[in-house]
């Protein structure tokens, strides 16, 4: 035999898959293919996942049929990122251990336990870093899209098919320049957008419109709805102006 046996590779695949599936069900929530994993972990922790963030964004209202389909699509998309990372991690571990075994056989030696542990430690550290980025990006996306669905629902009740929105931006030493550029007019007053103007995909630095997904992983800016008659004071706080006042037109310079 030269290299790792198919049986050993299958054992590696199952071990890595089991670890990632537990992470997936804790982070994503209810996925049909993870029903068995869900039953195994449900008793040991309070459930809090992307689905909860989406519903919280909707002010904890029960999603209607369309909103449930949107959520399902978002969860499947998030699952795809984790699945891709799982497959890449499994492949890297298998290939690196396979290389260790081939080298040992050529030199008529044995693979040391610490060599395998080094491979596992390196690949799991890489996977942890990628998972952190996925978690931050997808959490921001689900939170904002849940809020966006609630805004659409609320606006439609008053006959507004394209509501005016803005992003509440936390201003401190962690606030990035891109958030200030697209989410504010002057670093203080929120910049207004029509919901239809927001990009429905991940933001690329330098683009001229913000994304409903957030501008970057762990973006703290939160989308909000500005009703007719309301505007902003000099500090950027929402304030009622007068009936039929349109802050969007005022900000864009429309008559």
Protein backbone atom coordinates (compact mmCIF):
# COMPACT_ATOMS: atom_id res chain seq x y z
CA UNK A 1 0.00 0.00 0.00
CA UNK A 2 1.31 3.48 -0.90
CA UNK A 3 -0.24 6.42 0.92
CA UNK A 4 -3.39 6.55 3.05
CA UNK A 5 -5.88 3.77 2.41
CA UNK A 6 -9.39 4.58 1.11
CA UNK A 7 -10.77 3.37 4.44
CA UNK A 8 -8.58 5.80 6.37
CA UNK A 9 -9.55 8.66 4.06
CA UNK A 10 -13.20 7.85 4.66
CA UNK A 11 -12.60 7.94 8.42
CA UNK A 12 -10.99 11.39 8.07
CA UNK A 13 -13.91 12.59 5.95
CA UNK A 14 -16.49 11.39 8.49
CA UNK A 15 -14.64 12.96 11.43
CA UNK A 16 -14.35 16.36 9.75
CA UNK A 17 -17.93 16.16 8.45
CA UNK A 18 -19.28 15.41 11.92
CA UNK A 19 -17.47 18.44 13.37
CA UNK A 20 -18.72 20.81 10.63
CA UNK A 21 -22.28 19.47 10.79
CA UNK A 22 -22.49 20.25 14.49
CA UNK A 23 -21.24 23.77 13.80
CA UNK A 24 -23.72 24.16 10.93
CA UNK A 25 -26.80 23.15 12.91
CA UNK A 26 -25.86 25.42 15.81
CA UNK A 27 -25.28 28.38 13.52
CA UNK A 28 -27.85 27.87 10.76
CA UNK A 29 -30.74 26.24 12.56
CA UNK A 30 -33.11 23.74 10.98
CA UNK A 31 -31.77 22.04 7.85
CA UNK A 32 -33.43 18.80 6.67
CA UNK A 33 -30.13 16.99 6.12
CA UNK A 34 -29.03 17.80 9.69
CA UNK A 35 -32.11 16.51 11.53
CA UNK A 36 -30.17 13.73 13.28
CA UNK A 37 -27.34 16.08 14.33
CA UNK A 38 -29.94 18.53 15.63
CA UNK A 39 -31.46 15.89 17.90
CA UNK A 40 -28.04 15.10 19.34
CA UNK A 41 -27.16 18.67 20.35
CA UNK A 42 -30.54 20.26 21.06
CA UNK A 43 -30.56 19.29 24.75
CA UNK A 44 -27.23 20.86 25.62
CA UNK A 45 -27.72 24.49 24.61
CA UNK A 46 -30.20 27.29 24.12
CA UNK A 47 -30.95 27.57 20.42
CA UNK A 48 -29.88 30.85 18.82
CA UNK A 49 -29.01 30.99 15.15
CA UNK A 50 -29.37 32.83 11.84
CA UNK A 51 -33.09 32.14 11.70
CA UNK A 52 -33.52 33.90 15.03
CA UNK A 53 -31.55 36.91 13.79
CA UNK A 54 -33.80 37.14 10.75
CA UNK A 55 -36.98 37.00 12.85
CA UNK A 56 -35.54 39.51 15.33
CA UNK A 57 -34.92 41.84 12.38
CA UNK A 58 -38.64 41.49 11.63
CA UNK A 59 -39.42 42.72 15.15
CA UNK A 60 -40.16 39.09 16.12
CA UNK A 61 -43.21 38.91 13.85
CA UNK A 62 -44.14 35.52 12.42
CA UNK A 63 -42.82 35.34 8.83
CA UNK A 64 -45.48 34.93 6.14
CA UNK A 65 -45.11 32.40 3.32
CA UNK A 66 -42.99 34.68 1.12
CA UNK A 67 -40.75 35.67 4.04
CA UNK A 68 -40.30 32.02 5.01
CA UNK A 69 -39.18 31.23 1.46
CA UNK A 70 -36.71 34.12 1.59
CA UNK A 71 -35.34 32.85 4.89
CA UNK A 72 -35.06 29.31 3.53
CA UNK A 73 -33.10 30.56 0.53
CA UNK A 74 -30.77 32.62 2.74
CA UNK A 75 -30.09 29.70 5.07
CA UNK A 76 -29.32 27.39 2.14
CA UNK A 77 -26.90 30.00 0.78
CA UNK A 78 -25.15 30.28 4.15
CA UNK A 79 -25.03 26.50 4.36
CA UNK A 80 -23.27 26.41 0.99
CA UNK A 81 -20.39 28.53 2.29
CA UNK A 82 -19.87 26.20 5.26
CA UNK A 83 -20.22 23.11 3.06
CA UNK A 84 -17.54 24.44 0.71
CA UNK A 85 -15.19 25.13 3.62
CA UNK A 86 -15.86 21.64 5.02
CA UNK A 87 -14.96 19.98 1.72
CA UNK A 88 -11.81 22.09 1.35
CA UNK A 89 -10.69 21.34 4.90
CA UNK A 90 -11.34 17.60 4.46
CA UNK A 91 -9.36 17.56 1.21
CA UNK A 92 -6.43 19.48 2.70
CA UNK A 93 -6.19 17.18 5.73
CA UNK A 94 -6.42 14.02 3.62
CA UNK A 95 -3.79 15.20 1.15
CA UNK A 96 -1.35 16.37 3.83
CA UNK A 97 -1.64 13.16 5.86
CA UNK A 98 -1.37 11.16 2.63
CA UNK A 99 1.88 13.00 1.88
CA UNK A 100 3.23 12.18 5.36
CA UNK A 101 2.46 8.49 4.89
CA UNK A 102 4.10 8.34 1.45
CA UNK A 103 7.21 10.09 2.76
CA UNK A 104 7.42 7.71 5.73
CA UNK A 105 7.14 4.66 3.47
CA UNK A 106 9.87 5.95 1.16
CA UNK A 107 12.15 6.44 4.17
CA UNK A 108 11.03 3.19 5.81
CA UNK A 109 9.87 5.06 8.92
CA UNK A 110 6.57 5.63 10.71
CA UNK A 111 4.40 8.73 10.76
CA UNK A 112 4.70 10.39 14.15
CA UNK A 113 1.60 11.38 16.10
CA UNK A 114 2.87 14.94 16.48
CA UNK A 115 3.15 15.25 12.66
CA UNK A 116 -0.53 14.40 12.23
CA UNK A 117 -1.47 16.70 15.11
CA UNK A 118 0.45 19.52 13.41
CA UNK A 119 -1.57 19.01 10.20
CA UNK A 120 -4.86 18.96 12.09
CA UNK A 121 -3.96 22.02 14.17
CA UNK A 122 -2.96 24.04 11.08
CA UNK A 123 -6.05 23.16 9.03
CA UNK A 124 -8.51 23.64 11.88
CA UNK A 125 -7.00 27.04 12.70
CA UNK A 126 -7.49 28.06 9.06
CA UNK A 127 -11.04 26.70 9.10
CA UNK A 128 -11.81 28.56 12.35
CA UNK A 129 -10.67 31.83 10.80
CA UNK A 130 -12.81 31.27 7.69
CA UNK A 131 -15.80 30.24 9.81
CA UNK A 132 -15.49 33.45 11.84
CA UNK A 133 -15.66 35.50 8.63
CA UNK A 134 -18.66 33.48 7.39
CA UNK A 135 -20.46 33.86 10.72
CA UNK A 136 -19.91 37.62 10.84
CA UNK A 137 -20.91 38.19 7.20
CA UNK A 138 -23.99 35.96 7.29
CA UNK A 139 -25.18 37.29 10.67
CA UNK A 140 -25.07 40.86 9.37
CA UNK A 141 -26.84 39.81 6.17
CA UNK A 142 -29.66 37.90 7.90
CA UNK A 143 -30.21 40.64 10.48
CA UNK A 144 -30.43 43.39 7.87
CA UNK A 145 -32.57 41.40 5.44
CA UNK A 146 -35.00 40.51 8.22
CA UNK A 147 -35.29 44.21 9.03
CA UNK A 148 -35.71 44.97 5.32
CA UNK A 149 -38.60 42.51 5.09
CA UNK A 150 -40.26 44.21 8.06
CA UNK A 151 -39.76 47.64 6.45
CA UNK A 152 -41.33 46.39 3.21
CA UNK A 153 -44.28 44.93 5.12
CA UNK A 154 -44.84 48.13 7.13
CA UNK A 155 -44.46 50.47 4.14
CA UNK A 156 -46.80 48.44 1.94
CA UNK A 157 -49.57 48.89 4.51
CA UNK A 158 -49.49 52.64 3.76
CA UNK A 159 -49.27 52.11 0.01
CA UNK A 160 -45.52 52.81 -0.21
CA UNK A 161 -43.93 50.32 -2.60
CA UNK A 162 -40.41 51.82 -2.40
CA UNK A 163 -39.77 53.07 1.14
CA UNK A 164 -37.02 55.50 2.12
CA UNK A 165 -34.35 53.90 4.30
CA UNK A 166 -31.12 54.81 6.06
CA UNK A 167 -28.46 53.05 8.10
CA UNK A 168 -28.00 53.74 11.79
CA UNK A 169 -24.22 54.06 12.09
CA UNK A 170 -22.35 53.73 15.37
CA UNK A 171 -19.70 56.45 15.42
CA UNK A 172 -16.59 55.55 17.40
CA UNK A 173 -12.98 54.61 16.77
CA UNK A 174 -14.11 51.34 15.15
CA UNK A 175 -16.36 52.94 12.52
CA UNK A 176 -14.90 52.38 9.05
CA UNK A 177 -14.58 55.10 6.39
CA UNK A 178 -16.70 53.11 3.94
CA UNK A 179 -19.65 53.10 6.34
CA UNK A 180 -19.33 56.85 6.89
CA UNK A 181 -19.05 57.44 3.12
CA UNK A 182 -22.17 55.51 2.12
CA UNK A 183 -24.27 55.62 5.27
CA UNK A 184 -23.88 59.32 6.10
CA UNK A 185 -23.95 62.62 4.24
CA UNK A 186 -21.27 64.36 6.25
CA UNK A 187 -20.23 61.87 8.91
CA UNK A 188 -23.24 62.84 11.06
CA UNK A 189 -26.50 63.06 9.06
CA UNK A 190 -27.69 59.64 7.77
CA UNK A 191 -27.69 59.32 3.97
CA UNK A 192 -31.08 58.33 2.57
CA UNK A 193 -31.72 55.66 -0.03
CA UNK A 194 -34.73 54.11 -1.65
CA UNK A 195 -35.01 50.42 -0.78
CA UNK A 196 -34.85 49.63 -4.51
CA UNK A 197 -31.41 51.31 -4.74
CA UNK A 198 -29.71 48.98 -2.28
CA UNK A 199 -27.49 46.29 -3.71
CA UNK A 200 -28.74 42.75 -3.07
CA UNK A 201 -25.33 41.17 -2.80
CA UNK A 202 -22.03 41.60 -0.99
CA UNK A 203 -20.50 45.06 -1.12
CA UNK A 204 -17.22 45.82 -2.87
CA UNK A 205 -15.22 48.75 -1.56
CA UNK A 206 -15.59 51.80 -3.77
CA UNK A 207 -19.10 51.02 -5.04
CA UNK A 208 -21.49 53.97 -5.02
CA UNK A 209 -24.49 52.29 -3.42
CA UNK A 210 -24.63 50.38 -0.14
CA UNK A 211 -25.66 46.76 0.19
CA UNK A 212 -28.58 45.47 2.19
CA UNK A 213 -26.13 42.75 3.33
CA UNK A 214 -23.95 45.32 5.11
CA UNK A 215 -20.68 46.79 3.85
CA UNK A 216 -18.29 44.30 5.45
CA UNK A 217 -18.16 41.37 7.89
CA UNK A 218 -19.34 42.39 11.35
CA UNK A 219 -20.77 45.66 10.02
CA UNK A 220 -22.61 47.28 12.93
CA UNK A 221 -24.77 49.58 10.81
CA UNK A 222 -28.48 48.73 10.96
CA UNK A 223 -31.03 49.53 8.26
CA UNK A 224 -34.05 51.63 9.32
CA UNK A 225 -37.20 53.09 7.77
CA UNK A 226 -37.84 56.84 7.53
CA UNK A 227 -41.55 57.62 7.36
CA UNK A 228 -43.03 60.56 5.48
CA UNK A 229 -43.06 63.74 7.53
CA UNK A 230 -39.85 62.86 9.37
CA UNK A 231 -36.31 64.13 8.84
CA UNK A 232 -33.09 64.64 10.82
CA UNK A 233 -31.89 67.28 13.24
CA UNK A 234 -28.32 68.65 13.23
CA UNK A 235 -27.12 65.69 15.31
CA UNK A 236 -28.58 63.15 12.90
CA UNK A 237 -31.49 62.15 15.13
CA UNK A 238 -34.86 61.37 13.56
CA UNK A 239 -37.30 64.22 14.12
CA UNK A 240 -40.84 64.96 12.94
CA UNK A 241 -40.85 67.99 10.65
CA UNK A 242 -44.35 68.44 9.29
CA UNK A 243 -46.97 66.49 7.38
CA UNK A 244 -45.92 65.56 3.82
CA UNK A 245 -42.32 66.64 4.45
CA UNK A 246 -40.01 64.51 2.26
CA UNK A 247 -36.46 64.31 3.62
CA UNK A 248 -35.39 62.13 0.68
CA UNK A 249 -36.26 64.83 -1.86
CA UNK A 250 -34.76 67.47 0.39
CA UNK A 251 -31.48 65.53 0.64
CA UNK A 252 -31.30 64.76 -3.08
CA UNK A 253 -32.15 68.33 -4.04
CA UNK A 254 -35.43 67.44 -5.76
CA UNK A 255 -38.24 70.00 -5.94
